[in-house]
Amino acid sequence: MPRHIKVAAAQMGPNNEGTPREEIVERMLVLLESAARDGVELIVYPEMALTTYFPKKIRRDFDQFFETEVPPKALEPLLRRAAEARIAVHVGFCEKADGTYF
């Protein structure tokens, strides 16, 4: 028998360069709370949800946009609340591990 789940695509809008990750996560939490009220079982945040879209220009300081911990520490409040609400979460972010960029 097929199982149906309710999925939400989180439309965050742009993240401005210099916005702290904690502030971005607060916006993500607002969307999570809305999804919880709507009975969502899976919420999907966009690629590079924790940073500005930095590939739009050539730069040397791009390391600041990559996470070195998985999951990123900044996501702890979001992941904790998602667990409480029993909502699965997908968050796209850039990662650097062992000198390799993902």
PDB file of N, CA and C in Angstrom:
ATOM      1  N   MET A   1       0.842  -1.173   0.000  1.00  0.00           N
ATOM      2  CA  MET A   1       0.000   0.000   0.000  1.00  0.00           C
ATOM      3  C   MET A   1       0.896   1.248   0.000  1.00  0.00           C
ATOM      4  N   PRO A   2       0.632   2.203  -0.873  1.00  0.00           N
ATOM      5  CA  PRO A   2       1.449   3.417  -0.926  1.00  0.00           C
ATOM      6  C   PRO A   2       1.269   4.253   0.343  1.00  0.00           C
ATOM      7  N   ARG A   3       2.336   4.915   0.727  1.00  0.00           N
ATOM      8  CA  ARG A   3       2.280   5.825   1.871  1.00  0.00           C
ATOM      9  C   ARG A   3       2.430   7.243   1.343  1.00  0.00           C
ATOM     10  N   HIS A   4       1.584   8.107   1.786  1.00  0.00           N
ATOM     11  CA  HIS A   4       1.646   9.506   1.369  1.00  0.00           C
ATOM     12  C   HIS A   4       2.164  10.335   2.534  1.00  0.00           C
ATOM     13  N   ILE A   5       3.063  11.258   2.224  1.00  0.00           N
ATOM     14  CA  ILE A   5       3.543  12.179   3.245  1.00  0.00           C
ATOM     15  C   ILE A   5       3.347  13.604   2.747  1.00  0.00           C
ATOM     16  N   LYS A   6       3.192  14.501   3.689  1.00  0.00           N
ATOM     17  CA  LYS A   6       3.032  15.908   3.361  1.00  0.00           C
ATOM     18  C   LYS A   6       4.413  16.567   3.404  1.00  0.00           C
ATOM     19  N   VAL A   7       4.809  17.162   2.277  1.00  0.00           N
ATOM     20  CA  VAL A   7       6.134  17.765   2.123  1.00  0.00           C
ATOM     21  C   VAL A   7       5.982  19.266   1.903  1.00  0.00           C
ATOM     22  N   ALA A   8       6.875  20.038   2.508  1.00  0.00           N
ATOM     23  CA  ALA A   8       6.888  21.488   2.305  1.00  0.00           C
ATOM     24  C   ALA A   8       8.225  21.902   1.711  1.00  0.00           C
ATOM     25  N   ALA A   9       8.181  22.754   0.707  1.00  0.00           N
ATOM     26  CA  ALA A   9       9.384  23.383   0.161  1.00  0.00           C
ATOM     27  C   ALA A   9       9.503  24.750   0.824  1.00  0.00           C
ATOM     28  N   ALA A  10      10.545  24.951   1.597  1.00  0.00           N
ATOM     29  CA  ALA A  10      10.720  26.194   2.343  1.00  0.00           C
ATOM     30  C   ALA A  10      11.250  27.283   1.420  1.00  0.00           C
ATOM     31  N   GLN A  11      10.430  28.273   1.146  1.00  0.00           N
ATOM     32  CA  GLN A  11      10.829  29.391   0.297  1.00  0.00           C
ATOM     33  C   GLN A  11      11.383  30.484   1.201  1.00  0.00           C
ATOM     34  N   MET A  12      12.704  30.533   1.318  1.00  0.00           N
ATOM     35  CA  MET A  12      13.347  31.442   2.261  1.00  0.00           C
ATOM     36  C   MET A  12      13.614  32.832   1.707  1.00  0.00           C
ATOM     37  N   GLY A  13      13.732  32.964   0.412  1.00  0.00           N
ATOM     38  CA  GLY A  13      14.192  34.223  -0.140  1.00  0.00           C
ATOM     39  C   GLY A  13      15.702  34.315   0.015  1.00  0.00           C
ATOM     40  N   PRO A  14      16.305  35.421  -0.404  1.00  0.00           N
ATOM     41  CA  PRO A  14      17.769  35.505  -0.392  1.00  0.00           C
ATOM     42  C   PRO A  14      18.336  35.727   1.009  1.00  0.00           C
ATOM     43  N   ASN A  15      19.545  35.245   1.212  1.00  0.00           N
ATOM     44  CA  ASN A  15      20.333  35.562   2.406  1.00  0.00           C
ATOM     45  C   ASN A  15      21.348  36.616   1.996  1.00  0.00           C
ATOM     46  N   ASN A  16      21.355  37.729   2.687  1.00  0.00           N
ATOM     47  CA  ASN A  16      22.307  38.789   2.371  1.00  0.00           C
ATOM     48  C   ASN A  16      23.693  38.435   2.889  1.00  0.00           C
ATOM     49  N   GLU A  17      24.698  38.826   2.150  1.00  0.00           N
ATOM     50  CA  GLU A  17      26.071  38.571   2.579  1.00  0.00           C
ATOM     51  C   GLU A  17      26.308  39.243   3.925  1.00  0.00           C
ATOM     52  N   GLY A  18      26.929  38.523   4.835  1.00  0.00           N
ATOM     53  CA  GLY A  18      27.206  39.055   6.165  1.00  0.00           C
ATOM     54  C   GLY A  18      26.149  38.721   7.204  1.00  0.00           C
ATOM     55  N   THR A  19      25.011  38.185   6.776  1.00  0.00           N
ATOM     56  CA  THR A  19      23.980  37.801   7.742  1.00  0.00           C
ATOM     57  C   THR A  19      24.485  36.606   8.547  1.00  0.00           C
ATOM     58  N   PRO A  20      24.480  36.709   9.879  1.00  0.00           N
ATOM     59  CA  PRO A  20      24.957  35.584  10.693  1.00  0.00           C
ATOM     60  C   PRO A  20      24.096  34.335  10.492  1.00  0.00           C
ATOM     61  N   ARG A  21      24.729  33.184  10.540  1.00  0.00           N
ATOM     62  CA  ARG A  21      24.006  31.919  10.369  1.00  0.00           C
ATOM     63  C   ARG A  21      22.877  31.780  11.391  1.00  0.00           C
ATOM     64  N   GLU A  22      23.112  32.258  12.614  1.00  0.00           N
ATOM     65  CA  GLU A  22      22.083  32.160  13.653  1.00  0.00           C
ATOM     66  C   GLU A  22      20.820  32.924  13.256  1.00  0.00           C
ATOM     67  N   GLU A  23      20.977  34.058  12.614  1.00  0.00           N
ATOM     68  CA  GLU A  23      19.830  34.842  12.148  1.00  0.00           C
ATOM     69  C   GLU A  23      19.108  34.111  11.013  1.00  0.00           C
ATOM     70  N   ILE A  24      19.854  33.487  10.140  1.00  0.00           N
ATOM     71  CA  ILE A  24      19.260  32.706   9.053  1.00  0.00           C
ATOM     72  C   ILE A  24      18.478  31.531   9.622  1.00  0.00           C
ATOM     73  N   VAL A  25      19.044  30.864  10.623  1.00  0.00           N
ATOM     74  CA  VAL A  25      18.359  29.724  11.246  1.00  0.00           C
ATOM     75  C   VAL A  25      17.072  30.183  11.927  1.00  0.00           C
ATOM     76  N   GLU A  26      17.048  31.380  12.496  1.00  0.00           N
ATOM     77  CA  GLU A  26      15.803  31.906  13.084  1.00  0.00           C
ATOM     78  C   GLU A  26      14.709  31.997  12.020  1.00  0.00           C
ATOM     79  N   ARG A  27      15.064  32.445  10.819  1.00  0.00           N
ATOM     80  CA  ARG A  27      14.082  32.486   9.720  1.00  0.00           C
ATOM     81  C   ARG A  27      13.631  31.080   9.359  1.00  0.00           C
ATOM     82  N   MET A  28      14.574  30.143   9.379  1.00  0.00           N
ATOM     83  CA  MET A  28      14.240  28.752   9.063  1.00  0.00           C
ATOM     84  C   MET A  28      13.290  28.175  10.114  1.00  0.00           C
ATOM     85  N   LEU A  29      13.487  28.558  11.376  1.00  0.00           N
ATOM     86  CA  LEU A  29      12.608  28.092  12.452  1.00  0.00           C
ATOM     87  C   LEU A  29      11.179  28.590  12.270  1.00  0.00           C
ATOM     88  N   VAL A  30      11.022  29.821  11.815  1.00  0.00           N
ATOM     89  CA  VAL A  30       9.679  30.358  11.555  1.00  0.00           C
ATOM     90  C   VAL A  30       8.970  29.502  10.506  1.00  0.00           C
ATOM     91  N   LEU A  31       9.686  29.136   9.459  1.00  0.00           N
ATOM     92  CA  LEU A  31       9.101  28.287   8.415  1.00  0.00           C
ATOM     93  C   LEU A  31       8.803  26.890   8.944  1.00  0.00           C
ATOM     94  N   LEU A  32       9.655  26.376   9.809  1.00  0.00           N
ATOM     95  CA  LEU A  32       9.424  25.063  10.412  1.00  0.00           C
ATOM     96  C   LEU A  32       8.165  25.077  11.269  1.00  0.00           C
ATOM     97  N   GLU A  33       7.982  26.119  12.057  1.00  0.00           N
ATOM     98  CA  GLU A  33       6.782  26.219  12.904  1.00  0.00           C
ATOM     99  C   GLU A  33       5.518  26.272  12.054  1.00  0.00           C
ATOM    100  N   SER A  34       5.565  27.002  10.964  1.00  0.00           N
ATOM    101  CA  SER A  34       4.425  27.058  10.049  1.00  0.00           C
ATOM    102  C   SER A  34       4.140  25.681   9.467  1.00  0.00           C
ATOM    103  N   ALA A  35       5.187  24.982   9.083  1.00  0.00           N
ATOM    104  CA  ALA A  35       5.031  23.633   8.532  1.00  0.00           C
ATOM    105  C   ALA A  35       4.440  22.687   9.571  1.00  0.00           C
ATOM    106  N   ALA A  36       4.878  22.820  10.815  1.00  0.00           N
ATOM    107  CA  ALA A  36       4.359  21.962  11.886  1.00  0.00           C
ATOM    108  C   ALA A  36       2.857  22.188  12.069  1.00  0.00           C
ATOM    109  N   ARG A  37       2.426  23.447  12.027  1.00  0.00           N
ATOM    110  CA  ARG A  37       0.987  23.753  12.156  1.00  0.00           C
ATOM    111  C   ARG A  37       0.180  23.159  11.005  1.00  0.00           C
ATOM    112  N   ASP A  38       0.823  23.020   9.842  1.00  0.00           N
ATOM    113  CA  ASP A  38       0.137  22.488   8.659  1.00  0.00           C
ATOM    114  C   ASP A  38       0.233  20.970   8.541  1.00  0.00           C
ATOM    115  N   GLY A  39       0.839  20.317   9.525  1.00  0.00           N
ATOM    116  CA  GLY A  39       0.926  18.859   9.495  1.00  0.00           C
ATOM    117  C   GLY A  39       1.967  18.303   8.540  1.00  0.00           C
ATOM    118  N   VAL A  40       2.970  19.099   8.223  1.00  0.00           N
ATOM    119  CA  VAL A  40       4.034  18.667   7.312  1.00  0.00           C
ATOM    120  C   VAL A  40       4.892  17.597   7.991  1.00  0.00           C
ATOM    121  N   GLU A  41       5.326  16.611   7.206  1.00  0.00           N
ATOM    122  CA  GLU A  41       6.186  15.543   7.721  1.00  0.00           C
ATOM    123  C   GLU A  41       7.634  15.683   7.254  1.00  0.00           C
ATOM    124  N   LEU A  42       7.851  16.421   6.165  1.00  0.00           N
ATOM    125  CA  LEU A  42       9.194  16.661   5.636  1.00  0.00           C
ATOM    126  C   LEU A  42       9.251  18.084   5.117  1.00  0.00           C
ATOM    127  N   ILE A  43      10.229  18.848   5.602  1.00  0.00           N
ATOM    128  CA  ILE A  43      10.441  20.196   5.083  1.00  0.00           C
ATOM    129  C   ILE A  43      11.808  20.229   4.407  1.00  0.00           C
ATOM    130  N   VAL A  44      11.848  20.817   3.214  1.00  0.00           N
ATOM    131  CA  VAL A  44      13.071  20.868   2.415  1.00  0.00           C
ATOM    132  C   VAL A  44      13.472  22.332   2.246  1.00  0.00           C
ATOM    133  N   TYR A  45      14.641  22.669   2.781  1.00  0.00           N
ATOM    134  CA  TYR A  45      15.187  24.011   2.637  1.00  0.00           C
ATOM    135  C   TYR A  45      16.077  24.039   1.393  1.00  0.00           C
ATOM    136  N   PRO A  46      16.325  25.230   0.833  1.00  0.00           N
ATOM    137  CA  PRO A  46      17.082  25.303  -0.425  1.00  0.00           C
ATOM    138  C   PRO A  46      18.568  24.993  -0.276  1.00  0.00           C
ATOM    139  N   GLU A  47      19.202  24.829  -1.441  1.00  0.00           N
ATOM    140  CA  GLU A  47      20.659  24.687  -1.457  1.00  0.00           C
ATOM    141  C   GLU A  47      21.277  25.944  -0.853  1.00  0.00           C
ATOM    142  N   MET A  48      22.407  25.790  -0.238  1.00  0.00           N
ATOM    143  CA  MET A  48      23.125  26.913   0.376  1.00  0.00           C
ATOM    144  C   MET A  48      22.210  27.733   1.288  1.00  0.00           C
ATOM    145  N   ALA A  49      21.402  27.029   2.071  1.00  0.00           N
ATOM    146  CA  ALA A  49      20.431  27.686   2.944  1.00  0.00           C
ATOM    147  C   ALA A  49      21.087  28.535   4.028  1.00  0.00           C
ATOM    148  N   LEU A  50      22.323  28.234   4.399  1.00  0.00           N
ATOM    149  CA  LEU A  50      22.968  28.926   5.517  1.00  0.00           C
ATOM    150  C   LEU A  50      23.818  30.120   5.108  1.00  0.00           C
ATOM    151  N   THR A  51      23.933  30.387   3.821  1.00  0.00           N
ATOM    152  CA  THR A  51      24.803  31.474   3.357  1.00  0.00           C
ATOM    153  C   THR A  51      24.149  32.223   2.205  1.00  0.00           C
ATOM    154  N   THR A  52      24.788  33.301   1.823  1.00  0.00           N
ATOM    155  CA  THR A  52      24.400  33.979   0.602  1.00  0.00           C
ATOM    156  C   THR A  52      24.819  33.109  -0.586  1.00  0.00           C
ATOM    157  N   TYR A  53      24.318  33.417  -1.757  1.00  0.00           N
ATOM    158  CA  TYR A  53      24.721  32.668  -2.949  1.00  0.00           C
ATOM    159  C   TYR A  53      26.060  33.243  -3.418  1.00  0.00           C
ATOM    160  N   PHE A  54      27.137  32.764  -2.806  1.00  0.00           N
ATOM    161  CA  PHE A  54      28.469  33.333  -3.039  1.00  0.00           C
ATOM    162  C   PHE A  54      29.074  33.045  -4.406  1.00  0.00           C
ATOM    163  N   PRO A  55      28.676  31.997  -5.159  1.00  0.00           N
ATOM    164  CA  PRO A  55      29.312  31.771  -6.461  1.00  0.00           C
ATOM    165  C   PRO A  55      28.992  32.832  -7.516  1.00  0.00           C
ATOM    166  N   LYS A  56      28.159  33.794  -7.169  1.00  0.00           N
ATOM    167  CA  LYS A  56      27.796  34.811  -8.157  1.00  0.00           C
ATOM    168  C   LYS A  56      28.955  35.742  -8.510  1.00  0.00           C
ATOM    169  N   LYS A  57      30.040  35.697  -7.716  1.00  0.00           N
ATOM    170  CA  LYS A  57      31.201  36.522  -8.056  1.00  0.00           C
ATOM    171  C   LYS A  57      32.490  35.788  -7.704  1.00  0.00           C
ATOM    172  N   ILE A  58      33.547  36.145  -8.403  1.00  0.00           N
ATOM    173  CA  ILE A  58      34.858  35.549  -8.146  1.00  0.00           C
ATOM    174  C   ILE A  58      35.407  36.167  -6.861  1.00  0.00           C
ATOM    175  N   ARG A  59      35.894  35.308  -5.973  1.00  0.00           N
ATOM    176  CA  ARG A  59      36.390  35.797  -4.690  1.00  0.00           C
ATOM    177  C   ARG A  59      37.444  34.853  -4.139  1.00  0.00           C
ATOM    178  N   ARG A  60      38.253  35.348  -3.232  1.00  0.00           N
ATOM    179  CA  ARG A  60      39.285  34.526  -2.597  1.00  0.00           C
ATOM    180  C   ARG A  60      38.864  34.070  -1.194  1.00  0.00           C
ATOM    181  N   ASP A  61      37.891  34.719  -0.606  1.00  0.00           N
ATOM    182  CA  ASP A  61      37.510  34.442   0.779  1.00  0.00           C
ATOM    183  C   ASP A  61      36.315  33.495   0.894  1.00  0.00           C
ATOM    184  N   PHE A  62      36.190  32.557  -0.016  1.00  0.00           N
ATOM    185  CA  PHE A  62      34.991  31.719  -0.033  1.00  0.00           C
ATOM    186  C   PHE A  62      34.957  30.641   1.050  1.00  0.00           C
ATOM    187  N   ASP A  63      36.068  30.390   1.744  1.00  0.00           N
ATOM    188  CA  ASP A  63      36.063  29.389   2.822  1.00  0.00           C
ATOM    189  C   ASP A  63      35.020  29.703   3.898  1.00  0.00           C
ATOM    190  N   GLN A  64      34.738  30.980   4.124  1.00  0.00           N
ATOM    191  CA  GLN A  64      33.779  31.376   5.154  1.00  0.00           C
ATOM    192  C   GLN A  64      32.376  30.826   4.900  1.00  0.00           C
ATOM    193  N   PHE A  65      32.093  30.408   3.688  1.00  0.00           N
ATOM    194  CA  PHE A  65      30.759  29.927   3.339  1.00  0.00           C
ATOM    195  C   PHE A  65      30.612  28.410   3.480  1.00  0.00           C
ATOM    196  N   PHE A  66      31.686  27.729   3.819  1.00  0.00           N
ATOM    197  CA  PHE A  66      31.673  26.266   3.905  1.00  0.00           C
ATOM    198  C   PHE A  66      31.645  25.809   5.357  1.00  0.00           C
ATOM    199  N   GLU A  67      30.834  24.809   5.620  1.00  0.00           N
ATOM    200  CA  GLU A  67      30.741  24.222   6.956  1.00  0.00           C
ATOM    201  C   GLU A  67      31.823  23.163   7.102  1.00  0.00           C
ATOM    202  N   THR A  68      32.394  23.069   8.303  1.00  0.00           N
ATOM    203  CA  THR A  68      33.411  22.051   8.569  1.00  0.00           C
ATOM    204  C   THR A  68      32.907  20.996   9.550  1.00  0.00           C
ATOM    205  N   GLU A  69      31.724  21.204  10.102  1.00  0.00           N
ATOM    206  CA  GLU A  69      31.079  20.221  10.980  1.00  0.00           C
ATOM    207  C   GLU A  69      29.777  19.769  10.341  1.00  0.00           C
ATOM    208  N   VAL A  70      29.471  18.500  10.484  1.00  0.00           N
ATOM    209  CA  VAL A  70      28.203  17.975   9.970  1.00  0.00           C
ATOM    210  C   VAL A  70      27.529  17.206  11.094  1.00  0.00           C
ATOM    211  N   PRO A  71      26.330  17.632  11.495  1.00  0.00           N
ATOM    212  CA  PRO A  71      25.626  18.815  11.014  1.00  0.00           C
ATOM    213  C   PRO A  71      26.273  20.094  11.550  1.00  0.00           C
ATOM    214  N   PRO A  72      26.082  21.192  10.850  1.00  0.00           N
ATOM    215  CA  PRO A  72      26.641  22.460  11.313  1.00  0.00           C
ATOM    216  C   PRO A  72      26.068  22.847  12.679  1.00  0.00           C
ATOM    217  N   LYS A  73      26.917  23.370  13.544  1.00  0.00           N
ATOM    218  CA  LYS A  73      26.498  23.772  14.890  1.00  0.00           C
ATOM    219  C   LYS A  73      25.335  24.765  14.841  1.00  0.00           C
ATOM    220  N   ALA A  74      25.337  25.658  13.866  1.00  0.00           N
ATOM    221  CA  ALA A  74      24.274  26.660  13.764  1.00  0.00           C
ATOM    222  C   ALA A  74      22.896  26.032  13.595  1.00  0.00           C
ATOM    223  N   LEU A  75      22.844  24.807  13.090  1.00  0.00           N
ATOM    224  CA  LEU A  75      21.551  24.143  12.857  1.00  0.00           C
ATOM    225  C   LEU A  75      20.970  23.457  14.095  1.00  0.00           C
ATOM    226  N   GLU A  76      21.715  23.429  15.199  1.00  0.00           N
ATOM    227  CA  GLU A  76      21.231  22.711  16.380  1.00  0.00           C
ATOM    228  C   GLU A  76      19.822  23.108  16.812  1.00  0.00           C
ATOM    229  N   PRO A  77      19.485  24.412  16.909  1.00  0.00           N
ATOM    230  CA  PRO A  77      18.118  24.762  17.318  1.00  0.00           C
ATOM    231  C   PRO A  77      17.055  24.248  16.339  1.00  0.00           C
ATOM    232  N   LEU A  78      17.354  24.311  15.056  1.00  0.00           N
ATOM    233  CA  LEU A  78      16.408  23.845  14.038  1.00  0.00           C
ATOM    234  C   LEU A  78      16.220  22.333  14.131  1.00  0.00           C
ATOM    235  N   LEU A  79      17.307  21.606  14.237  1.00  0.00           N
ATOM    236  CA  LEU A  79      17.215  20.147  14.295  1.00  0.00           C
ATOM    237  C   LEU A  79      16.526  19.683  15.575  1.00  0.00           C
ATOM    238  N   ARG A  80      16.792  20.366  16.681  1.00  0.00           N
ATOM    239  CA  ARG A  80      16.133  20.031  17.947  1.00  0.00           C
ATOM    240  C   ARG A  80      14.617  20.235  17.840  1.00  0.00           C
ATOM    241  N   ARG A  81      14.220  21.393  17.298  1.00  0.00           N
ATOM    242  CA  ARG A  81      12.782  21.685  17.175  1.00  0.00           C
ATOM    243  C   ARG A  81      12.118  20.741  16.185  1.00  0.00           C
ATOM    244  N   ALA A  82      12.799  20.411  15.098  1.00  0.00           N
ATOM    245  CA  ALA A  82      12.251  19.473  14.114  1.00  0.00           C
ATOM    246  C   ALA A  82      12.019  18.108  14.752  1.00  0.00           C
ATOM    247  N   ALA A  83      12.949  17.672  15.588  1.00  0.00           N
ATOM    248  CA  ALA A  83      12.787  16.380  16.271  1.00  0.00           C
ATOM    249  C   ALA A  83      11.581  16.420  17.202  1.00  0.00           C
ATOM    250  N   GLU A  84      11.428  17.518  17.930  1.00  0.00           N
ATOM    251  CA  GLU A  84      10.278  17.661  18.832  1.00  0.00           C
ATOM    252  C   GLU A  84       8.966  17.613  18.060  1.00  0.00           C
ATOM    253  N   ALA A  85       8.954  18.240  16.880  1.00  0.00           N
ATOM    254  CA  ALA A  85       7.744  18.291  16.052  1.00  0.00           C
ATOM    255  C   ALA A  85       7.581  17.047  15.184  1.00  0.00           C
ATOM    256  N   ARG A  86       8.572  16.160  15.228  1.00  0.00           N
ATOM    257  CA  ARG A  86       8.558  14.929  14.435  1.00  0.00           C
ATOM    258  C   ARG A  86       8.468  15.229  12.935  1.00  0.00           C
ATOM    259  N   ILE A  87       9.287  16.207  12.517  1.00  0.00           N
ATOM    260  CA  ILE A  87       9.365  16.598  11.111  1.00  0.00           C
ATOM    261  C   ILE A  87      10.774  16.289  10.608  1.00  0.00           C
ATOM    262  N   ALA A  88      10.876  15.584   9.498  1.00  0.00           N
ATOM    263  CA  ALA A  88      12.169  15.350   8.854  1.00  0.00           C
ATOM    264  C   ALA A  88      12.589  16.635   8.143  1.00  0.00           C
ATOM    265  N   VAL A  89      13.889  16.898   8.146  1.00  0.00           N
ATOM    266  CA  VAL A  89      14.415  18.147   7.596  1.00  0.00           C
ATOM    267  C   VAL A  89      15.537  17.846   6.604  1.00  0.00           C
ATOM    268  N   HIS A  90      15.501  18.542   5.467  1.00  0.00           N
ATOM    269  CA  HIS A  90      16.627  18.511   4.527  1.00  0.00           C
ATOM    270  C   HIS A  90      17.124  19.944   4.394  1.00  0.00           C
ATOM    271  N   VAL A  91      18.412  20.142   4.675  1.00  0.00           N
ATOM    272  CA  VAL A  91      19.016  21.471   4.566  1.00  0.00           C
ATOM    273  C   VAL A  91      20.227  21.370   3.651  1.00  0.00           C
ATOM    274  N   GLY A  92      20.228  22.149   2.591  1.00  0.00           N
ATOM    275  CA  GLY A  92      21.382  22.191   1.699  1.00  0.00           C
ATOM    276  C   GLY A  92      22.410  23.179   2.220  1.00  0.00           C
ATOM    277  N   PHE A  93      23.672  22.764   2.278  1.00  0.00           N
ATOM    278  CA  PHE A  93      24.747  23.668   2.688  1.00  0.00           C
ATOM    279  C   PHE A  93      26.050  23.213   2.045  1.00  0.00           C
ATOM    280  N   CYS A  94      27.017  24.121   2.023  1.00  0.00           N
ATOM    281  CA  CYS A  94      28.331  23.821   1.462  1.00  0.00           C
ATOM    282  C   CYS A  94      29.214  23.258   2.565  1.00  0.00           C
ATOM    283  N   GLU A  95      29.999  22.245   2.220  1.00  0.00           N
ATOM    284  CA  GLU A  95      30.829  21.563   3.208  1.00  0.00           C
ATOM    285  C   GLU A  95      32.277  21.489   2.720  1.00  0.00           C
ATOM    286  N   LYS A  96      33.190  21.616   3.674  1.00  0.00           N
ATOM    287  CA  LYS A  96      34.612  21.405   3.389  1.00  0.00           C
ATOM    288  C   LYS A  96      35.109  20.322   4.337  1.00  0.00           C
ATOM    289  N   ALA A  97      35.651  19.247   3.771  1.00  0.00           N
ATOM    290  CA  ALA A  97      36.169  18.140   4.581  1.00  0.00           C
ATOM    291  C   ALA A  97      37.479  17.657   3.983  1.00  0.00           C
ATOM    292  N   ASP A  98      38.479  17.556   4.817  1.00  0.00           N
ATOM    293  CA  ASP A  98      39.794  17.071   4.380  1.00  0.00           C
ATOM    294  C   ASP A  98      40.317  17.829   3.161  1.00  0.00           C
ATOM    295  N   GLY A  99      40.097  19.140   3.150  1.00  0.00           N
ATOM    296  CA  GLY A  99      40.594  19.969   2.065  1.00  0.00           C
ATOM    297  C   GLY A  99      39.783  19.923   0.782  1.00  0.00           C
ATOM    298  N   THR A 100      38.679  19.183   0.800  1.00  0.00           N
ATOM    299  CA  THR A 100      37.826  19.065  -0.385  1.00  0.00           C
ATOM    300  C   THR A 100      36.532  19.835  -0.160  1.00  0.00           C
ATOM    301  N   TYR A 101      36.088  20.524  -1.192  1.00  0.00           N
ATOM    302  CA  TYR A 101      34.855  21.313  -1.120  1.00  0.00           C
ATOM    303  C   TYR A 101      33.700  20.531  -1.725  1.00  0.00           C
ATOM    304  N   PHE A 102      32.589  20.543  -1.016  1.00  0.00           N
ATOM    305  CA  PHE A 102      31.378  19.859  -1.497  1.00  0.00           C
ATOM    306  C   PHE A 102      30.233  20.840  -1.551  1.00  0.00           C
TER     307      PHE A 102
END
